[in-house]
Amino acid sequence: MIRSEVDDGVTLVTLDRPSRRNALTPEGLDALAAAVDDADTPVVYLTGTGGAFSAGADFSVVADLDREGAKEFARHGQRVARTIETAESVVVAGIDGPARGGGVELALACDIRVATPEATFAETGVALGLFGAWGGTVRLPRVLGEGEAMDLALSGRVVDADEALRMGLVSRVVDDPRTVAVEVAANEPDALTVLKRRMRDDAKREVQESREAAVFADLVEEHADDLPS
């Protein structure tokens, strides 16, 4: 489900479950966190296989959760997103194809988001009576501003790479996002670490994420029977 290798001084972490558009189970979340946490290069490049970045949470798992299980699954995803966000390495997301729900949230946790022209983004959970609960309600307004975040989250609409660039959801649109990771890795590692720590300094997230997980659990309890298997 998760592959990790080092090339050009960059740890390449690949979500490799194309049959489910790289959707993540609890085991997949653990493997992703371990791959990022174990990286000993200054830059990690996170991407997906099979023409998709990630569909986010595996709904076949979510549909079987009771309220407490749903809350823990949300907290699980939040912990993994924070592992990405607080990693010693700079984490660059290379988004090629769809990023949906939790896939958008994992990208938001990365330090740099780079899309190919084929990338698309959407918070589609709202159509199923849910929302992304891996820290998305915290990070999305921080990255996009409240107006753009509300539009994306409440409409569930699909945003292409060019609009994502305009919104600030990604910083570049290129044919090969991995080249950006290699570019960043060419810099002084100590400077990268210090810059990331200073720009990531935020002490209020925990309370917001706790509330987010509780509300997500309420919605899973209410809509579990309607989720796709």
C-alpha atoms as a PDB file:
ATOM      1  CA  MET A   1       0.000   0.000   0.000  1.00  0.00           C
ATOM      2  CA  ILE A   2       2.910   2.366   0.755  1.00  0.00           C
ATOM      3  CA  ARG A   3       6.263   2.241  -1.027  1.00  0.00           C
ATOM      4  CA  SER A   4       9.366   4.137   0.086  1.00  0.00           C
ATOM      5  CA  GLU A   5      12.732   4.532  -1.651  1.00  0.00           C
ATOM      6  CA  VAL A   6      15.513   7.111  -1.902  1.00  0.00           C
ATOM      7  CA  ASP A   7      16.567   8.691  -5.201  1.00  0.00           C
ATOM      8  CA  ASP A   8      18.384  11.962  -5.977  1.00  0.00           C
ATOM      9  CA  GLY A   9      18.656  12.668  -2.252  1.00  0.00           C
ATOM     10  CA  VAL A  10      14.870  12.582  -1.865  1.00  0.00           C
ATOM     11  CA  THR A  11      12.762   9.974  -0.069  1.00  0.00           C
ATOM     12  CA  LEU A  12       9.989   8.977  -2.466  1.00  0.00           C
ATOM     13  CA  VAL A  13       6.866   7.887  -0.589  1.00  0.00           C
ATOM     14  CA  THR A  14       4.234   6.464  -2.910  1.00  0.00           C
ATOM     15  CA  LEU A  15       0.619   5.643  -2.120  1.00  0.00           C
ATOM     16  CA  ASP A  16       0.294   2.395  -4.041  1.00  0.00           C
ATOM     17  CA  ARG A  17      -3.251   1.071  -3.990  1.00  0.00           C
ATOM     18  CA  PRO A  18      -4.514   1.970  -7.462  1.00  0.00           C
ATOM     19  CA  SER A  19      -7.526  -0.363  -7.328  1.00  0.00           C
ATOM     20  CA  ARG A  20      -9.000   1.960  -4.651  1.00  0.00           C
ATOM     21  CA  ARG A  21      -7.511   5.193  -6.021  1.00  0.00           C
ATOM     22  CA  ASN A  22      -4.971   5.021  -3.180  1.00  0.00           C
ATOM     23  CA  ALA A  23      -7.627   5.226  -0.463  1.00  0.00           C
ATOM     24  CA  LEU A  24      -6.212   4.699   3.010  1.00  0.00           C
ATOM     25  CA  THR A  25      -7.165   2.201   5.692  1.00  0.00           C
ATOM     26  CA  PRO A  26      -5.855   2.474   9.272  1.00  0.00           C
ATOM     27  CA  GLU A  27      -2.993   0.171   8.280  1.00  0.00           C
ATOM     28  CA  GLY A  28      -2.211   2.372   5.302  1.00  0.00           C
ATOM     29  CA  LEU A  29      -2.218   5.461   7.505  1.00  0.00           C
ATOM     30  CA  ASP A  30       0.260   3.793   9.870  1.00  0.00           C
ATOM     31  CA  ALA A  31       2.518   2.802   6.977  1.00  0.00           C
ATOM     32  CA  LEU A  32       2.408   6.329   5.571  1.00  0.00           C
ATOM     33  CA  ALA A  33       3.304   7.876   8.925  1.00  0.00           C
ATOM     34  CA  ALA A  34       6.178   5.423   9.369  1.00  0.00           C
ATOM     35  CA  ALA A  35       7.544   6.127   5.885  1.00  0.00           C
ATOM     36  CA  VAL A  36       7.588   9.876   6.501  1.00  0.00           C
ATOM     37  CA  ASP A  37       8.862   9.580  10.060  1.00  0.00           C
ATOM     38  CA  ASP A  38      11.670   7.187   9.089  1.00  0.00           C
ATOM     39  CA  ALA A  39      12.932   9.346   6.214  1.00  0.00           C
ATOM     40  CA  ASP A  40      16.510  10.516   6.740  1.00  0.00           C
ATOM     41  CA  THR A  41      16.705  12.822   3.736  1.00  0.00           C
ATOM     42  CA  PRO A  42      16.014  16.578   3.902  1.00  0.00           C
ATOM     43  CA  VAL A  43      13.084  16.229   1.500  1.00  0.00           C
ATOM     44  CA  VAL A  44      10.237  13.705   1.182  1.00  0.00           C
ATOM     45  CA  TYR A  45       8.214  13.493  -2.022  1.00  0.00           C
ATOM     46  CA  LEU A  46       4.667  12.162  -1.501  1.00  0.00           C
ATOM     47  CA  THR A  47       2.694  10.981  -4.511  1.00  0.00           C
ATOM     48  CA  GLY A  48       0.267   8.306  -5.711  1.00  0.00           C
ATOM     49  CA  THR A  49       0.123   5.650  -8.413  1.00  0.00           C
ATOM     50  CA  GLY A  50      -2.457   4.672 -11.009  1.00  0.00           C
ATOM     51  CA  GLY A  51      -3.317   8.166 -12.202  1.00  0.00           C
ATOM     52  CA  ALA A  52      -4.542   9.381  -8.803  1.00  0.00           C
ATOM     53  CA  PHE A  53      -3.072  11.069  -5.754  1.00  0.00           C
ATOM     54  CA  SER A  54      -5.497   9.720  -3.149  1.00  0.00           C
ATOM     55  CA  ALA A  55      -9.221   9.243  -2.622  1.00  0.00           C
ATOM     56  CA  GLY A  56      -8.579   9.795   1.099  1.00  0.00           C
ATOM     57  CA  ALA A  57     -10.322   7.570   3.614  1.00  0.00           C
ATOM     58  CA  ASP A  58     -11.442   4.133   2.467  1.00  0.00           C
ATOM     59  CA  PHE A  59     -15.233   4.370   2.802  1.00  0.00           C
ATOM     60  CA  SER A  60     -15.551   0.607   3.075  1.00  0.00           C
ATOM     61  CA  VAL A  61     -13.752   0.986   6.413  1.00  0.00           C
ATOM     62  CA  VAL A  62     -15.674   4.090   7.507  1.00  0.00           C
ATOM     63  CA  ALA A  63     -19.064   2.492   6.834  1.00  0.00           C
ATOM     64  CA  ASP A  64     -18.404  -0.209   9.451  1.00  0.00           C
ATOM     65  CA  LEU A  65     -17.395   2.161  12.249  1.00  0.00           C
ATOM     66  CA  ASP A  66     -19.500   2.958  15.288  1.00  0.00           C
ATOM     67  CA  ARG A  67     -19.394   6.451  16.754  1.00  0.00           C
ATOM     68  CA  GLU A  68     -16.283   5.893  18.872  1.00  0.00           C
ATOM     69  CA  GLY A  69     -14.564   4.079  16.025  1.00  0.00           C
ATOM     70  CA  ALA A  70     -15.322   6.954  13.650  1.00  0.00           C
ATOM     71  CA  LYS A  71     -13.921   9.455  16.115  1.00  0.00           C
ATOM     72  CA  GLU A  72     -10.741   7.412  16.494  1.00  0.00           C
ATOM     73  CA  PHE A  73     -10.402   7.028  12.707  1.00  0.00           C
ATOM     74  CA  ALA A  74     -10.599  10.814  12.379  1.00  0.00           C
ATOM     75  CA  ARG A  75      -8.020  11.247  15.129  1.00  0.00           C
ATOM     76  CA  HIS A  76      -5.855   8.604  13.456  1.00  0.00           C
ATOM     77  CA  GLY A  77      -5.838  10.542  10.184  1.00  0.00           C
ATOM     78  CA  GLN A  78      -5.171  13.773  12.072  1.00  0.00           C
ATOM     79  CA  ARG A  79      -2.137  12.234  13.757  1.00  0.00           C
ATOM     80  CA  VAL A  80      -0.753  11.118  10.408  1.00  0.00           C
ATOM     81  CA  ALA A  81      -1.341  14.567   8.905  1.00  0.00           C
ATOM     82  CA  ARG A  82       0.507  16.106  11.853  1.00  0.00           C
ATOM     83  CA  THR A  83       3.341  13.620  11.339  1.00  0.00           C
ATOM     84  CA  ILE A  84       3.663  14.963   7.798  1.00  0.00           C
ATOM     85  CA  GLU A  85       3.307  18.571   8.920  1.00  0.00           C
ATOM     86  CA  THR A  86       5.871  18.308  11.739  1.00  0.00           C
ATOM     87  CA  ALA A  87       8.357  15.983  10.024  1.00  0.00           C
ATOM     88  CA  GLU A  88      12.011  17.030  10.120  1.00  0.00           C
ATOM     89  CA  SER A  89      12.023  16.698   6.343  1.00  0.00           C
ATOM     90  CA  VAL A  90      10.335  19.118   3.997  1.00  0.00           C
ATOM     91  CA  VAL A  91       7.416  17.202   2.474  1.00  0.00           C
ATOM     92  CA  VAL A  92       6.479  17.965  -1.125  1.00  0.00           C
ATOM     93  CA  ALA A  93       3.172  16.620  -2.448  1.00  0.00           C
ATOM     94  CA  GLY A  94       3.165  15.699  -6.126  1.00  0.00           C
ATOM     95  CA  ILE A  95      -0.494  15.587  -7.158  1.00  0.00           C
ATOM     96  CA  ASP A  96      -1.252  13.858 -10.456  1.00  0.00           C
ATOM     97  CA  GLY A  97      -4.905  13.024 -11.087  1.00  0.00           C
ATOM     98  CA  PRO A  98      -7.657  13.172  -8.473  1.00  0.00           C
ATOM     99  CA  ALA A  99      -7.169  14.200  -4.851  1.00  0.00           C
ATOM    100  CA  ARG A 100     -10.409  13.779  -2.953  1.00  0.00           C
ATOM    101  CA  GLY A 101     -11.434  14.296   0.682  1.00  0.00           C
ATOM    102  CA  GLY A 102      -8.677  12.955   2.879  1.00  0.00           C
ATOM    103  CA  GLY A 103      -6.345  13.048  -0.105  1.00  0.00           C
ATOM    104  CA  VAL A 104      -6.746  16.826  -0.190  1.00  0.00           C
ATOM    105  CA  GLU A 105      -6.135  16.886   3.562  1.00  0.00           C
ATOM    106  CA  LEU A 106      -2.910  14.906   3.279  1.00  0.00           C
ATOM    107  CA  ALA A 107      -1.763  17.320   0.578  1.00  0.00           C
ATOM    108  CA  LEU A 108      -2.664  20.272   2.824  1.00  0.00           C
ATOM    109  CA  ALA A 109      -0.404  18.842   5.540  1.00  0.00           C
ATOM    110  CA  CYS A 110       2.552  18.882   3.145  1.00  0.00           C
ATOM    111  CA  ASP A 111       4.875  21.871   3.043  1.00  0.00           C
ATOM    112  CA  ILE A 112       4.714  22.341  -0.720  1.00  0.00           C
ATOM    113  CA  ARG A 113       1.962  21.187  -3.058  1.00  0.00           C
ATOM    114  CA  VAL A 114       2.745  20.815  -6.754  1.00  0.00           C
ATOM    115  CA  ALA A 115       0.228  19.643  -9.347  1.00  0.00           C
ATOM    116  CA  THR A 116       0.405  18.253 -12.852  1.00  0.00           C
ATOM    117  CA  PRO A 117      -2.033  19.657 -15.444  1.00  0.00           C
ATOM    118  CA  GLU A 118      -4.149  16.506 -14.907  1.00  0.00           C
ATOM    119  CA  ALA A 119      -4.605  17.081 -11.154  1.00  0.00           C
ATOM    120  CA  THR A 120      -8.068  17.741  -9.734  1.00  0.00           C
ATOM    121  CA  PHE A 121      -9.231  18.470  -6.194  1.00  0.00           C
ATOM    122  CA  ALA A 122     -12.554  18.145  -4.367  1.00  0.00           C
ATOM    123  CA  GLU A 123     -14.009  17.757  -0.895  1.00  0.00           C
ATOM    124  CA  THR A 124     -16.703  15.343  -2.063  1.00  0.00           C
ATOM    125  CA  GLY A 125     -17.658  13.974   1.359  1.00  0.00           C
ATOM    126  CA  VAL A 126     -20.318  16.643   1.792  1.00  0.00           C
ATOM    127  CA  ALA A 127     -22.468  14.889  -0.846  1.00  0.00           C
ATOM    128  CA  LEU A 128     -22.466  11.785   1.378  1.00  0.00           C
ATOM    129  CA  GLY A 129     -23.297  13.704   4.529  1.00  0.00           C
ATOM    130  CA  LEU A 130     -19.673  13.737   5.731  1.00  0.00           C
ATOM    131  CA  PHE A 131     -16.591  15.929   5.465  1.00  0.00           C
ATOM    132  CA  GLY A 132     -12.834  15.519   5.555  1.00  0.00           C
ATOM    133  CA  ALA A 133     -11.838  15.124   9.211  1.00  0.00           C
ATOM    134  CA  TRP A 134      -8.078  14.670   9.006  1.00  0.00           C
ATOM    135  CA  GLY A 135      -7.491  18.305   9.911  1.00  0.00           C
ATOM    136  CA  GLY A 136      -9.102  19.751   6.806  1.00  0.00           C
ATOM    137  CA  THR A 137     -11.413  22.170   8.575  1.00  0.00           C
ATOM    138  CA  VAL A 138      -8.313  23.629  10.250  1.00  0.00           C
ATOM    139  CA  ARG A 139      -5.883  23.696   7.333  1.00  0.00           C
ATOM    140  CA  LEU A 140      -8.175  24.530   4.416  1.00  0.00           C
ATOM    141  CA  PRO A 141      -9.119  28.043   5.660  1.00  0.00           C
ATOM    142  CA  ARG A 142      -5.512  28.647   6.675  1.00  0.00           C
ATOM    143  CA  VAL A 143      -4.253  27.812   3.181  1.00  0.00           C
ATOM    144  CA  LEU A 144      -7.049  29.259   1.020  1.00  0.00           C
ATOM    145  CA  GLY A 145      -8.651  31.893   3.235  1.00  0.00           C
ATOM    146  CA  GLU A 146     -12.141  31.495   4.627  1.00  0.00           C
ATOM    147  CA  GLY A 147     -14.090  32.416   1.466  1.00  0.00           C
ATOM    148  CA  GLU A 148     -12.345  30.002  -0.911  1.00  0.00           C
ATOM    149  CA  ALA A 149     -12.311  27.282   1.770  1.00  0.00           C
ATOM    150  CA  MET A 150     -16.056  27.594   2.365  1.00  0.00           C
ATOM    151  CA  ASP A 151     -16.732  27.447  -1.376  1.00  0.00           C
ATOM    152  CA  LEU A 152     -14.622  24.327  -1.915  1.00  0.00           C
ATOM    153  CA  ALA A 153     -15.856  22.486   1.186  1.00  0.00           C
ATOM    154  CA  LEU A 154     -19.566  23.303   0.979  1.00  0.00           C
ATOM    155  CA  SER A 155     -20.030  22.915  -2.774  1.00  0.00           C
ATOM    156  CA  GLY A 156     -18.111  19.650  -3.182  1.00  0.00           C
ATOM    157  CA  ARG A 157     -17.150  20.885  -6.645  1.00  0.00           C
ATOM    158  CA  VAL A 158     -14.126  19.644  -8.557  1.00  0.00           C
ATOM    159  CA  VAL A 159     -11.295  22.142  -9.021  1.00  0.00           C
ATOM    160  CA  ASP A 160      -8.754  21.670 -11.819  1.00  0.00           C
ATOM    161  CA  ALA A 161      -5.032  22.388 -11.559  1.00  0.00           C
ATOM    162  CA  ASP A 162      -5.244  25.915 -12.927  1.00  0.00           C
ATOM    163  CA  GLU A 163      -7.948  26.942 -10.471  1.00  0.00           C
ATOM    164  CA  ALA A 164      -6.083  25.236  -7.639  1.00  0.00           C
ATOM    165  CA  LEU A 165      -3.077  27.385  -8.535  1.00  0.00           C
ATOM    166  CA  ARG A 166      -5.183  30.539  -8.550  1.00  0.00           C
ATOM    167  CA  MET A 167      -6.685  29.660  -5.173  1.00  0.00           C
ATOM    168  CA  GLY A 168      -3.306  28.916  -3.609  1.00  0.00           C
ATOM    169  CA  LEU A 169      -4.108  25.249  -3.073  1.00  0.00           C
ATOM    170  CA  VAL A 170      -0.950  24.435  -5.042  1.00  0.00           C
ATOM    171  CA  SER A 171       2.095  26.610  -5.643  1.00  0.00           C
ATOM    172  CA  ARG A 172       3.033  25.307  -9.100  1.00  0.00           C
ATOM    173  CA  VAL A 173       1.616  23.334 -12.020  1.00  0.00           C
ATOM    174  CA  VAL A 174       4.333  21.363 -13.823  1.00  0.00           C
ATOM    175  CA  ASP A 175       4.611  18.197 -15.861  1.00  0.00           C
ATOM    176  CA  ASP A 176       6.850  16.459 -13.306  1.00  0.00           C
ATOM    177  CA  PRO A 177       6.323  17.633  -9.690  1.00  0.00           C
ATOM    178  CA  ARG A 178       9.223  15.476  -8.512  1.00  0.00           C
ATOM    179  CA  THR A 179      11.619  18.016 -10.048  1.00  0.00           C
ATOM    180  CA  VAL A 180      10.451  20.516  -7.422  1.00  0.00           C
ATOM    181  CA  ALA A 181      11.373  18.101  -4.617  1.00  0.00           C
ATOM    182  CA  VAL A 182      14.846  17.658  -6.145  1.00  0.00           C
ATOM    183  CA  GLU A 183      15.181  21.449  -6.455  1.00  0.00           C
ATOM    184  CA  VAL A 184      14.353  21.939  -2.768  1.00  0.00           C
ATOM    185  CA  ALA A 185      16.706  19.129  -1.732  1.00  0.00           C
ATOM    186  CA  ALA A 186      19.627  20.957  -3.371  1.00  0.00           C
ATOM    187  CA  ASN A 187      19.510  23.561  -0.581  1.00  0.00           C
ATOM    188  CA  GLU A 188      21.204  23.498   2.837  1.00  0.00           C
ATOM    189  CA  PRO A 189      19.379  20.935   5.051  1.00  0.00           C
ATOM    190  CA  ASP A 190      19.742  22.933   8.283  1.00  0.00           C
ATOM    191  CA  ALA A 191      18.188  25.993   6.671  1.00  0.00           C
ATOM    192  CA  LEU A 192      15.289  23.913   5.362  1.00  0.00           C
ATOM    193  CA  THR A 193      14.603  22.528   8.840  1.00  0.00           C
ATOM    194  CA  VAL A 194      14.689  25.934  10.548  1.00  0.00           C
ATOM    195  CA  LEU A 195      12.501  27.583   7.921  1.00  0.00           C
ATOM    196  CA  LYS A 196       9.920  24.828   8.135  1.00  0.00           C
ATOM    197  CA  ARG A 197       9.760  25.003  11.933  1.00  0.00           C
ATOM    198  CA  ARG A 198       9.298  28.754  11.990  1.00  0.00           C
ATOM    199  CA  MET A 199       6.590  28.823   9.332  1.00  0.00           C
ATOM    200  CA  ARG A 200       4.768  25.892  10.944  1.00  0.00           C
ATOM    201  CA  ASP A 201       4.563  27.458  14.409  1.00  0.00           C
ATOM    202  CA  ASP A 202       0.890  27.173  15.412  1.00  0.00           C
ATOM    203  CA  ALA A 203      -0.335  26.188  18.864  1.00  0.00           C
ATOM    204  CA  LYS A 204      -4.142  26.245  18.485  1.00  0.00           C
ATOM    205  CA  ARG A 205      -4.784  23.294  16.184  1.00  0.00           C
ATOM    206  CA  GLU A 206      -5.353  20.582  18.804  1.00  0.00           C
ATOM    207  CA  VAL A 207      -8.627  21.995  20.130  1.00  0.00           C
ATOM    208  CA  GLN A 208     -10.046  22.490  16.646  1.00  0.00           C
ATOM    209  CA  GLU A 209      -9.102  18.990  15.530  1.00  0.00           C
ATOM    210  CA  SER A 210     -10.701  17.426  18.619  1.00  0.00           C
ATOM    211  CA  ARG A 211     -13.977  19.151  17.804  1.00  0.00           C
ATOM    212  CA  GLU A 212     -13.654  18.161  14.147  1.00  0.00           C
ATOM    213  CA  ALA A 213     -13.249  14.465  15.032  1.00  0.00           C
ATOM    214  CA  ALA A 214     -16.300  14.518  17.307  1.00  0.00           C
ATOM    215  CA  VAL A 215     -18.562  16.037  14.652  1.00  0.00           C
ATOM    216  CA  PHE A 216     -17.225  13.621  12.016  1.00  0.00           C
ATOM    217  CA  ALA A 217     -18.120  10.710  14.304  1.00  0.00           C
ATOM    218  CA  ASP A 218     -21.670  12.069  14.637  1.00  0.00           C
ATOM    219  CA  LEU A 219     -22.058  12.155  10.853  1.00  0.00           C
ATOM    220  CA  VAL A 220     -20.614   8.667  10.318  1.00  0.00           C
ATOM    221  CA  GLU A 221     -23.090   7.318  12.850  1.00  0.00           C
ATOM    222  CA  GLU A 222     -25.923   8.971  10.953  1.00  0.00           C
ATOM    223  CA  HIS A 223     -24.878   8.172   7.364  1.00  0.00           C
ATOM    224  CA  ALA A 224     -22.920   4.893   7.566  1.00  0.00           C
ATOM    225  CA  ASP A 225     -25.617   2.921   5.733  1.00  0.00           C
ATOM    226  CA  ASP A 226     -25.395   5.285   2.735  1.00  0.00           C
ATOM    227  CA  LEU A 227     -21.640   5.044   2.199  1.00  0.00           C
ATOM    228  CA  PRO A 228     -20.247   3.148  -0.801  1.00  0.00           C
ATOM    229  CA  SER A 229     -18.615  -0.180  -0.007  1.00  0.00           C
END
